[in-house]
N, C-alpha and C. Protein backbone atom coordinates (compact mmCIF):
# COMPACT_ATOMS: atom_id res chain seq x y z
N UNK A 1 14.86 -3.36 -13.64
CA UNK A 1 15.25 -4.25 -12.55
C UNK A 1 14.70 -3.71 -11.23
N UNK A 2 14.37 -4.64 -10.36
CA UNK A 2 13.87 -4.32 -9.02
C UNK A 2 14.85 -4.90 -8.02
N UNK A 3 15.23 -4.09 -7.04
CA UNK A 3 16.15 -4.53 -6.01
C UNK A 3 15.35 -4.92 -4.78
N UNK A 4 15.73 -6.06 -4.16
CA UNK A 4 15.06 -6.44 -2.92
C UNK A 4 16.03 -7.08 -1.96
N UNK A 5 15.66 -7.00 -0.68
CA UNK A 5 16.40 -7.64 0.39
C UNK A 5 15.45 -8.59 1.10
N UNK A 6 16.01 -9.65 1.66
CA UNK A 6 15.22 -10.60 2.43
C UNK A 6 15.87 -10.83 3.78
N UNK A 7 15.06 -11.31 4.74
CA UNK A 7 15.63 -11.64 6.05
C UNK A 7 16.03 -13.12 6.06
N UNK A 8 16.41 -13.64 7.22
CA UNK A 8 16.89 -15.03 7.30
C UNK A 8 15.80 -16.06 7.01
N UNK A 9 14.52 -15.65 7.06
CA UNK A 9 13.40 -16.54 6.73
C UNK A 9 12.94 -16.38 5.29
N UNK A 10 13.67 -15.61 4.50
CA UNK A 10 13.35 -15.31 3.09
C UNK A 10 12.18 -14.34 2.92
N UNK A 11 11.76 -13.72 4.00
CA UNK A 11 10.70 -12.71 3.92
C UNK A 11 11.28 -11.44 3.29
N UNK A 12 10.59 -10.90 2.30
CA UNK A 12 11.06 -9.68 1.64
C UNK A 12 10.91 -8.51 2.61
N UNK A 13 12.02 -7.82 2.86
CA UNK A 13 12.01 -6.70 3.80
C UNK A 13 12.17 -5.35 3.10
N UNK A 14 12.74 -5.36 1.88
CA UNK A 14 12.98 -4.12 1.15
C UNK A 14 12.69 -4.36 -0.33
N UNK A 15 11.95 -3.42 -0.93
CA UNK A 15 11.72 -3.44 -2.37
C UNK A 15 12.04 -2.04 -2.89
N UNK A 16 12.92 -1.97 -3.89
CA UNK A 16 13.27 -0.68 -4.50
C UNK A 16 13.10 -0.84 -6.00
N UNK A 17 12.12 -0.13 -6.56
CA UNK A 17 11.74 -0.33 -7.95
C UNK A 17 12.68 0.31 -8.98
N UNK A 18 13.44 1.31 -8.60
CA UNK A 18 14.32 1.99 -9.56
C UNK A 18 15.73 2.12 -9.00
N UNK A 19 16.40 1.01 -8.78
CA UNK A 19 17.72 1.09 -8.13
C UNK A 19 18.79 1.79 -8.96
N UNK A 20 18.61 1.85 -10.28
CA UNK A 20 19.63 2.45 -11.13
C UNK A 20 19.21 3.80 -11.69
N UNK A 21 18.11 4.36 -11.22
CA UNK A 21 17.67 5.67 -11.68
C UNK A 21 18.74 6.70 -11.33
N UNK A 22 19.05 7.57 -12.28
CA UNK A 22 20.13 8.53 -12.06
C UNK A 22 19.84 9.51 -10.93
N UNK A 23 18.57 9.90 -10.78
CA UNK A 23 18.24 10.88 -9.74
C UNK A 23 17.82 10.21 -8.43
N UNK A 24 16.95 9.22 -8.52
CA UNK A 24 16.36 8.63 -7.31
C UNK A 24 16.89 7.24 -6.98
N UNK A 25 17.84 6.76 -7.74
CA UNK A 25 18.36 5.41 -7.54
C UNK A 25 19.21 5.28 -6.30
N UNK A 26 19.73 4.10 -6.12
CA UNK A 26 20.54 3.81 -4.94
C UNK A 26 22.01 4.20 -5.12
N UNK A 27 22.39 4.59 -6.33
CA UNK A 27 23.75 5.05 -6.63
C UNK A 27 24.80 4.02 -6.25
N UNK A 28 24.48 2.75 -6.60
CA UNK A 28 25.42 1.66 -6.39
C UNK A 28 25.47 0.84 -7.67
N UNK A 29 26.55 0.14 -7.85
CA UNK A 29 26.68 -0.71 -9.02
C UNK A 29 25.86 -1.99 -8.82
N UNK A 30 25.67 -2.72 -9.92
CA UNK A 30 24.94 -3.98 -9.83
C UNK A 30 25.67 -4.94 -8.88
N UNK A 31 26.97 -4.96 -8.97
CA UNK A 31 27.77 -5.84 -8.12
C UNK A 31 27.58 -5.48 -6.64
N UNK A 32 27.57 -4.18 -6.33
CA UNK A 32 27.38 -3.74 -4.94
C UNK A 32 26.00 -4.14 -4.42
N UNK A 33 24.98 -3.98 -5.26
CA UNK A 33 23.63 -4.34 -4.84
C UNK A 33 23.50 -5.85 -4.63
N UNK A 34 24.10 -6.63 -5.53
CA UNK A 34 24.00 -8.08 -5.42
C UNK A 34 24.74 -8.62 -4.19
N UNK A 35 25.65 -7.84 -3.64
CA UNK A 35 26.36 -8.28 -2.43
C UNK A 35 25.49 -8.17 -1.19
N UNK A 36 24.39 -7.41 -1.26
CA UNK A 36 23.52 -7.23 -0.09
C UNK A 36 22.07 -7.60 -0.37
N UNK A 37 21.74 -7.94 -1.61
CA UNK A 37 20.35 -8.25 -1.94
C UNK A 37 20.25 -8.93 -3.29
N UNK A 38 19.09 -8.77 -3.92
CA UNK A 38 18.81 -9.47 -5.18
C UNK A 38 18.19 -8.51 -6.19
N UNK A 39 18.43 -8.77 -7.45
CA UNK A 39 17.81 -8.01 -8.54
C UNK A 39 16.88 -8.95 -9.29
N UNK A 40 15.64 -8.51 -9.48
CA UNK A 40 14.64 -9.33 -10.17
C UNK A 40 13.96 -8.47 -11.23
N UNK A 41 13.35 -9.14 -12.20
CA UNK A 41 12.66 -8.42 -13.27
C UNK A 41 11.27 -7.94 -12.85
N UNK A 42 10.57 -8.74 -12.05
CA UNK A 42 9.21 -8.38 -11.66
C UNK A 42 8.85 -9.10 -10.37
N UNK A 43 7.77 -8.63 -9.75
CA UNK A 43 7.25 -9.22 -8.53
C UNK A 43 5.78 -9.55 -8.79
N UNK A 44 5.36 -10.78 -8.52
CA UNK A 44 3.96 -11.13 -8.77
C UNK A 44 3.02 -10.44 -7.79
N UNK A 45 1.82 -10.18 -8.25
CA UNK A 45 0.80 -9.58 -7.38
C UNK A 45 0.22 -10.67 -6.49
N UNK A 46 -0.15 -10.31 -5.27
CA UNK A 46 -0.78 -11.30 -4.39
C UNK A 46 -2.22 -11.56 -4.80
N UNK A 47 -2.73 -12.71 -4.40
CA UNK A 47 -4.15 -12.98 -4.58
C UNK A 47 -4.93 -12.12 -3.60
N UNK A 48 -6.12 -11.73 -3.99
CA UNK A 48 -6.99 -10.98 -3.08
C UNK A 48 -7.83 -11.99 -2.33
N UNK A 49 -7.66 -12.03 -1.02
CA UNK A 49 -8.40 -12.95 -0.17
C UNK A 49 -9.03 -12.15 0.97
N UNK A 50 -10.32 -12.25 1.11
CA UNK A 50 -11.00 -11.54 2.19
C UNK A 50 -10.46 -11.98 3.54
N UNK A 51 -10.16 -10.99 4.38
CA UNK A 51 -9.69 -11.19 5.75
C UNK A 51 -8.33 -11.88 5.85
N UNK A 52 -7.52 -11.76 4.79
CA UNK A 52 -6.15 -12.30 4.82
C UNK A 52 -5.18 -11.23 4.32
N UNK A 53 -4.03 -11.14 4.98
CA UNK A 53 -2.99 -10.19 4.58
C UNK A 53 -1.83 -10.98 3.95
N UNK A 54 -1.38 -10.58 2.76
CA UNK A 54 -0.27 -11.30 2.11
C UNK A 54 1.08 -10.81 2.62
N UNK A 55 2.02 -11.74 2.75
CA UNK A 55 3.41 -11.41 3.07
C UNK A 55 4.27 -12.05 1.98
N UNK A 56 5.11 -11.24 1.36
CA UNK A 56 5.92 -11.69 0.24
C UNK A 56 7.23 -12.34 0.70
N UNK A 57 7.54 -13.48 0.07
CA UNK A 57 8.79 -14.19 0.33
C UNK A 57 9.50 -14.44 -1.00
N UNK A 58 10.83 -14.57 -0.92
CA UNK A 58 11.63 -14.84 -2.12
C UNK A 58 12.59 -15.98 -1.82
N UNK A 59 12.59 -16.98 -2.71
CA UNK A 59 13.52 -18.09 -2.58
C UNK A 59 14.71 -17.80 -3.51
N UNK A 60 15.86 -17.41 -2.96
CA UNK A 60 17.00 -17.03 -3.80
C UNK A 60 17.64 -18.21 -4.53
N UNK A 61 17.47 -19.43 -4.04
CA UNK A 61 18.04 -20.60 -4.71
C UNK A 61 17.26 -20.90 -5.99
N UNK A 62 15.94 -20.95 -5.86
CA UNK A 62 15.09 -21.23 -7.02
C UNK A 62 14.68 -19.97 -7.78
N UNK A 63 14.98 -18.82 -7.19
CA UNK A 63 14.63 -17.53 -7.78
C UNK A 63 13.12 -17.42 -8.04
N UNK A 64 12.35 -17.76 -7.00
CA UNK A 64 10.90 -17.71 -7.10
C UNK A 64 10.31 -16.94 -5.93
N UNK A 65 9.14 -16.37 -6.18
CA UNK A 65 8.40 -15.65 -5.14
C UNK A 65 7.23 -16.50 -4.68
N UNK A 66 6.82 -16.27 -3.46
CA UNK A 66 5.58 -16.85 -2.97
C UNK A 66 5.03 -15.97 -1.85
N UNK A 67 3.75 -16.09 -1.62
CA UNK A 67 3.09 -15.32 -0.58
C UNK A 67 2.61 -16.26 0.52
N UNK A 68 2.69 -15.79 1.75
CA UNK A 68 2.08 -16.47 2.88
C UNK A 68 0.94 -15.56 3.33
N UNK A 69 -0.23 -16.16 3.48
CA UNK A 69 -1.42 -15.39 3.82
C UNK A 69 -1.76 -15.61 5.29
N UNK A 70 -1.87 -14.49 6.01
CA UNK A 70 -2.18 -14.53 7.44
C UNK A 70 -3.58 -13.98 7.64
N UNK A 71 -4.38 -14.73 8.39
CA UNK A 71 -5.75 -14.27 8.64
C UNK A 71 -5.72 -13.07 9.57
N UNK A 72 -6.53 -12.09 9.22
CA UNK A 72 -6.65 -10.90 10.06
C UNK A 72 -8.11 -10.78 10.50
N UNK A 73 -8.30 -10.23 11.66
CA UNK A 73 -9.65 -10.03 12.18
C UNK A 73 -10.10 -8.63 11.83
N UNK A 74 -11.12 -8.55 11.01
CA UNK A 74 -11.67 -7.27 10.62
C UNK A 74 -13.00 -7.11 11.34
N UNK A 75 -13.07 -6.17 12.26
CA UNK A 75 -14.33 -6.02 12.99
C UNK A 75 -15.44 -5.50 12.08
N UNK A 76 -16.61 -6.04 12.28
CA UNK A 76 -17.78 -5.58 11.54
C UNK A 76 -18.46 -4.52 12.39
N UNK A 77 -18.53 -3.32 11.83
CA UNK A 77 -19.14 -2.21 12.56
C UNK A 77 -20.47 -1.88 11.91
N UNK A 78 -21.50 -2.06 12.65
CA UNK A 78 -22.84 -1.74 12.16
C UNK A 78 -23.18 -0.31 12.57
N UNK A 79 -23.43 0.57 11.62
CA UNK A 79 -23.79 1.93 12.00
C UNK A 79 -25.17 1.96 12.66
N UNK A 80 -25.27 2.76 13.68
CA UNK A 80 -26.55 2.90 14.37
C UNK A 80 -27.34 4.04 13.77
N UNK A 81 -28.60 4.09 14.07
CA UNK A 81 -29.45 5.16 13.57
C UNK A 81 -28.94 6.52 14.03
N UNK A 82 -28.46 6.60 15.27
CA UNK A 82 -27.96 7.88 15.78
C UNK A 82 -26.70 8.30 15.03
N UNK A 83 -25.82 7.33 14.66
CA UNK A 83 -24.63 7.65 13.86
C UNK A 83 -25.02 8.23 12.51
N UNK A 84 -25.99 7.60 11.86
CA UNK A 84 -26.44 8.07 10.55
C UNK A 84 -27.08 9.46 10.64
N UNK A 85 -27.85 9.67 11.69
CA UNK A 85 -28.50 10.98 11.87
C UNK A 85 -27.46 12.06 12.11
N UNK A 86 -26.45 11.75 12.91
CA UNK A 86 -25.39 12.73 13.18
C UNK A 86 -24.62 13.05 11.91
N UNK A 87 -24.33 12.04 11.10
CA UNK A 87 -23.63 12.25 9.83
C UNK A 87 -24.47 13.10 8.90
N UNK A 88 -25.74 12.82 8.84
CA UNK A 88 -26.65 13.60 7.98
C UNK A 88 -26.68 15.06 8.43
N UNK A 89 -26.71 15.31 9.74
CA UNK A 89 -26.73 16.68 10.26
C UNK A 89 -25.46 17.42 9.85
N UNK A 90 -24.31 16.77 9.97
CA UNK A 90 -23.04 17.41 9.61
C UNK A 90 -23.03 17.72 8.11
N UNK A 91 -23.49 16.81 7.28
CA UNK A 91 -23.52 17.04 5.84
C UNK A 91 -24.43 18.21 5.50
N UNK A 92 -25.59 18.27 6.13
CA UNK A 92 -26.53 19.37 5.87
C UNK A 92 -25.93 20.71 6.29
N UNK A 93 -25.21 20.75 7.40
CA UNK A 93 -24.57 21.98 7.86
C UNK A 93 -23.49 22.43 6.88
N UNK A 94 -22.70 21.49 6.37
CA UNK A 94 -21.65 21.82 5.41
C UNK A 94 -22.26 22.34 4.12
N UNK A 95 -23.31 21.69 3.64
CA UNK A 95 -23.97 22.15 2.42
C UNK A 95 -24.57 23.54 2.60
N UNK A 96 -25.16 23.79 3.75
CA UNK A 96 -25.75 25.11 4.02
C UNK A 96 -24.67 26.18 4.02
N UNK A 97 -23.54 25.88 4.63
CA UNK A 97 -22.43 26.84 4.67
C UNK A 97 -21.89 27.10 3.26
N UNK A 98 -21.78 26.05 2.46
CA UNK A 98 -21.29 26.21 1.09
C UNK A 98 -22.25 27.06 0.27
N UNK A 99 -23.54 26.79 0.38
CA UNK A 99 -24.54 27.56 -0.37
C UNK A 99 -24.55 29.01 0.07
N UNK A 100 -24.44 29.24 1.37
CA UNK A 100 -24.40 30.61 1.89
C UNK A 100 -23.22 31.37 1.31
N UNK A 101 -22.06 30.69 1.24
CA UNK A 101 -20.87 31.33 0.66
C UNK A 101 -21.06 31.65 -0.81
N UNK A 102 -21.69 30.76 -1.57
CA UNK A 102 -21.94 31.00 -2.98
C UNK A 102 -22.90 32.16 -3.18
N UNK A 103 -23.94 32.22 -2.36
CA UNK A 103 -24.92 33.32 -2.47
C UNK A 103 -24.27 34.64 -2.10
N UNK A 104 -23.48 34.64 -1.02
CA UNK A 104 -22.81 35.86 -0.57
C UNK A 104 -21.86 36.41 -1.63
N UNK A 105 -21.21 35.54 -2.36
CA UNK A 105 -20.25 35.96 -3.38
C UNK A 105 -20.90 36.15 -4.75
N UNK A 106 -22.21 36.03 -4.81
CA UNK A 106 -22.93 36.26 -6.05
C UNK A 106 -22.73 35.18 -7.09
N UNK A 107 -22.37 34.00 -6.65
CA UNK A 107 -22.14 32.92 -7.59
C UNK A 107 -23.36 32.01 -7.73
N UNK A 108 -24.40 32.33 -6.98
CA UNK A 108 -25.60 31.50 -7.05
C UNK A 108 -26.83 32.36 -7.01
């Protein structure tokens, strides 16, 4: 069982996957949990949509889940030649240091 809470708009605000686990559970009875939230068997996975973030909702009357997808702005960052050159320089320095350490310790 999975325990969840929702707000006044039915948006899921809390998900607890092991509410009855002896060590990590919520240490409450089923009745106590149902007085403040809901117990469900599973939660559906959201669809993967480019540039959209899923928000999970639960309809307690129909006992169904649904997602609302909100568009997000993902900036496109084009690496410049100077960025690539700087990254290459850092990688070469790290590799040189690693090889030097291996040679010094007789491992190479």
